[in-house]
Structures are given as structure tokens and as C-alpha cells.
Amino acid sequence: MTRKELYENKLQMDYFSNDYIRFEEDFQKYSAMNVPLTFLIDDILRTMAINQKNYFVLNKENAKDGREHRFYFRVRMDSEDSKIREFKYKNKK
């Protein structure tokens, strides 16, 4: 089983919440990448899950200001299915 298959449909983010909108705004503020966040989000969630982290790092090479930025999330396990994880944006440090 590949890592993609292991986490497929098990990592979720509420794209319509104010927290996600804030995350999107923060990410766009600091990211110099030409790839829209929509195309990166699955990889970001999978990387956090595999590494058992509640944050991801936008490295300085991909940042507008040449500095490293961390984006923190609250991770909640689904009460009905412990394999499903919901990520809710907290803040950027």
C-alpha cells in the first residue's frame, strides 16, 4: 500500500470555514510559489500526517521575504472513525 493510498480520503480540511480562508490569506501573503494552494493542500496534509506534525514549513526559498514560515493546525480525530483526521488552521509563526 502506498502512502497516498494509506491517507486517501482520511485527511480533511473545512474549505468553507473562516479558519481556512485565513490560512489561504496567510499562505498567499508569504508564498512566492506560482502554484495555487488548491493544488498543494493534499500534499501538505499528507506530509503533516506522515510526519505526525501539526504544522508545515514554507521554506525560505519559496517565501517572498526569504524567511522560513510555519503554519500551525489543530488536528482532531473523528469520533466515529479514528482513521479520519480533521485539520483546522490555528496560526502562522
C-alpha atoms as a PDB file:
ATOM      1  CA  MET A   1       0.000   0.000   0.000  1.00  0.00           C
ATOM      2  CA  THR A   2       1.413   3.394  -0.969  1.00  0.00           C
ATOM      3  CA  ARG A   3       1.444   6.419   1.343  1.00  0.00           C
ATOM      4  CA  LYS A   4      -1.113   8.061  -0.910  1.00  0.00           C
ATOM      5  CA  GLU A   5      -3.479   5.098  -0.566  1.00  0.00           C
ATOM      6  CA  LEU A   6      -2.899   4.972   3.195  1.00  0.00           C
ATOM      7  CA  TYR A   7      -4.227   8.505   3.722  1.00  0.00           C
ATOM      8  CA  GLU A   8      -6.609   8.825   0.784  1.00  0.00           C
ATOM      9  CA  ASN A   9      -9.938  10.343   1.896  1.00  0.00           C
ATOM     10  CA  LYS A  10      -8.786  10.292   5.529  1.00  0.00           C
ATOM     11  CA  LEU A  11      -7.310  13.801   5.836  1.00  0.00           C
ATOM     12  CA  GLN A  12      -9.821  16.620   5.798  1.00  0.00           C
ATOM     13  CA  MET A  13      -9.930  20.370   5.932  1.00  0.00           C
ATOM     14  CA  ASP A  14     -13.025  22.536   6.080  1.00  0.00           C
ATOM     15  CA  TYR A  15     -12.552  24.632   2.953  1.00  0.00           C
ATOM     16  CA  PHE A  16     -15.558  26.832   3.738  1.00  0.00           C
ATOM     17  CA  SER A  17     -14.570  27.861   7.268  1.00  0.00           C
ATOM     18  CA  ASN A  18     -13.154  31.209   8.302  1.00  0.00           C
ATOM     19  CA  ASP A  19     -10.041  29.369   9.505  1.00  0.00           C
ATOM     20  CA  TYR A  20      -9.317  28.025   6.036  1.00  0.00           C
ATOM     21  CA  ILE A  21      -9.879  31.446   4.468  1.00  0.00           C
ATOM     22  CA  ARG A  22      -7.420  32.905   6.993  1.00  0.00           C
ATOM     23  CA  PHE A  23      -4.922  30.131   6.152  1.00  0.00           C
ATOM     24  CA  GLU A  24      -5.295  30.832   2.447  1.00  0.00           C
ATOM     25  CA  GLU A  25      -4.713  34.557   3.010  1.00  0.00           C
ATOM     26  CA  ASP A  26      -1.656  33.922   5.216  1.00  0.00           C
ATOM     27  CA  PHE A  27      -0.202  31.443   2.750  1.00  0.00           C
ATOM     28  CA  GLN A  28      -0.653  33.809  -0.202  1.00  0.00           C
ATOM     29  CA  LYS A  29       0.869  36.655   1.795  1.00  0.00           C
ATOM     30  CA  TYR A  30       4.149  34.768   2.297  1.00  0.00           C
ATOM     31  CA  SER A  31       4.373  32.281  -0.577  1.00  0.00           C
ATOM     32  CA  ALA A  32       6.333  33.159  -3.704  1.00  0.00           C
ATOM     33  CA  MET A  33       5.270  29.940  -5.433  1.00  0.00           C
ATOM     34  CA  ASN A  34       3.256  30.152  -8.628  1.00  0.00           C
ATOM     35  CA  VAL A  35       1.280  27.013  -7.761  1.00  0.00           C
ATOM     36  CA  PRO A  36      -2.184  27.694  -6.307  1.00  0.00           C
ATOM     37  CA  LEU A  37      -2.726  26.439  -2.758  1.00  0.00           C
ATOM     38  CA  THR A  38      -5.581  24.246  -4.013  1.00  0.00           C
ATOM     39  CA  PHE A  39      -3.051  22.036  -5.808  1.00  0.00           C
ATOM     40  CA  LEU A  40      -0.759  21.799  -2.771  1.00  0.00           C
ATOM     41  CA  ILE A  41      -3.174  21.161   0.073  1.00  0.00           C
ATOM     42  CA  ASP A  42      -3.368  17.349  -0.279  1.00  0.00           C
ATOM     43  CA  ASP A  43       0.431  17.097  -0.217  1.00  0.00           C
ATOM     44  CA  ILE A  44       0.618  19.443   2.768  1.00  0.00           C
ATOM     45  CA  LEU A  45      -1.941  17.411   4.752  1.00  0.00           C
ATOM     46  CA  ARG A  46      -0.306  14.097   3.824  1.00  0.00           C
ATOM     47  CA  THR A  47       3.148  15.378   4.836  1.00  0.00           C
ATOM     48  CA  MET A  48       1.873  16.553   8.227  1.00  0.00           C
ATOM     49  CA  ALA A  49       0.126  13.197   8.803  1.00  0.00           C
ATOM     50  CA  ILE A  50       3.129  11.085   7.788  1.00  0.00           C
ATOM     51  CA  ASN A  51       5.481  13.117   9.979  1.00  0.00           C
ATOM     52  CA  GLN A  52       2.928  13.325  12.814  1.00  0.00           C
ATOM     53  CA  LYS A  53       3.248  17.114  12.953  1.00  0.00           C
ATOM     54  CA  ASN A  54       0.590  19.764  13.444  1.00  0.00           C
ATOM     55  CA  TYR A  55       2.422  22.281  11.254  1.00  0.00           C
ATOM     56  CA  PHE A  56       4.161  22.612   7.936  1.00  0.00           C
ATOM     57  CA  VAL A  57       7.024  24.841   6.895  1.00  0.00           C
ATOM     58  CA  LEU A  58       7.147  27.151   3.919  1.00  0.00           C
ATOM     59  CA  ASN A  59      10.886  27.200   3.376  1.00  0.00           C
ATOM     60  CA  LYS A  60      12.782  30.403   2.768  1.00  0.00           C
ATOM     61  CA  GLU A  61      13.438  29.519  -0.879  1.00  0.00           C
ATOM     62  CA  ASN A  62       9.667  29.635  -1.541  1.00  0.00           C
ATOM     63  CA  ALA A  63       8.890  32.677   0.623  1.00  0.00           C
ATOM     64  CA  LYS A  64       8.510  36.222  -0.666  1.00  0.00           C
ATOM     65  CA  ASP A  65      10.587  37.642   2.167  1.00  0.00           C
ATOM     66  CA  GLY A  66      13.298  34.950   2.105  1.00  0.00           C
ATOM     67  CA  ARG A  67      12.384  33.727   5.612  1.00  0.00           C
ATOM     68  CA  GLU A  68      11.029  30.376   6.839  1.00  0.00           C
ATOM     69  CA  HIS A  69       7.347  30.390   7.891  1.00  0.00           C
ATOM     70  CA  ARG A  70       5.434  27.784   9.921  1.00  0.00           C
ATOM     71  CA  PHE A  71       1.693  27.265   9.623  1.00  0.00           C
ATOM     72  CA  TYR A  72       0.100  25.540  12.636  1.00  0.00           C
ATOM     73  CA  PHE A  73      -3.067  23.445  12.686  1.00  0.00           C
ATOM     74  CA  ARG A  74      -5.254  21.817  15.307  1.00  0.00           C
ATOM     75  CA  VAL A  75      -5.662  18.129  14.448  1.00  0.00           C
ATOM     76  CA  ARG A  76      -8.806  16.333  15.552  1.00  0.00           C
ATOM     77  CA  MET A  77      -9.535  12.646  15.147  1.00  0.00           C
ATOM     78  CA  ASP A  78     -13.045  11.793  14.020  1.00  0.00           C
ATOM     79  CA  SER A  79     -15.026  10.311  16.907  1.00  0.00           C
ATOM     80  CA  GLU A  80     -16.702   7.730  14.663  1.00  0.00           C
ATOM     81  CA  ASP A  81     -13.686   6.764  12.568  1.00  0.00           C
ATOM     82  CA  SER A  82     -10.288   7.196  14.229  1.00  0.00           C
ATOM     83  CA  LYS A  83      -8.556   6.953  10.839  1.00  0.00           C
ATOM     84  CA  ILE A  84     -10.015  10.283   9.718  1.00  0.00           C
ATOM     85  CA  ARG A  85      -8.163  13.439  10.780  1.00  0.00           C
ATOM     86  CA  GLU A  86      -9.550  16.937  10.501  1.00  0.00           C
ATOM     87  CA  PHE A  87      -7.081  19.825  10.225  1.00  0.00           C
ATOM     88  CA  LYS A  88      -8.133  23.278  11.412  1.00  0.00           C
ATOM     89  CA  TYR A  89      -5.812  26.242  10.893  1.00  0.00           C
ATOM     90  CA  LYS A  90      -4.622  27.941  14.078  1.00  0.00           C
ATOM     91  CA  ASN A  91      -1.966  30.462  13.129  1.00  0.00           C
ATOM     92  CA  LYS A  92       1.315  31.299  11.409  1.00  0.00           C
ATOM     93  CA  LYS A  93       4.540  31.794  13.359  1.00  0.00           C
END
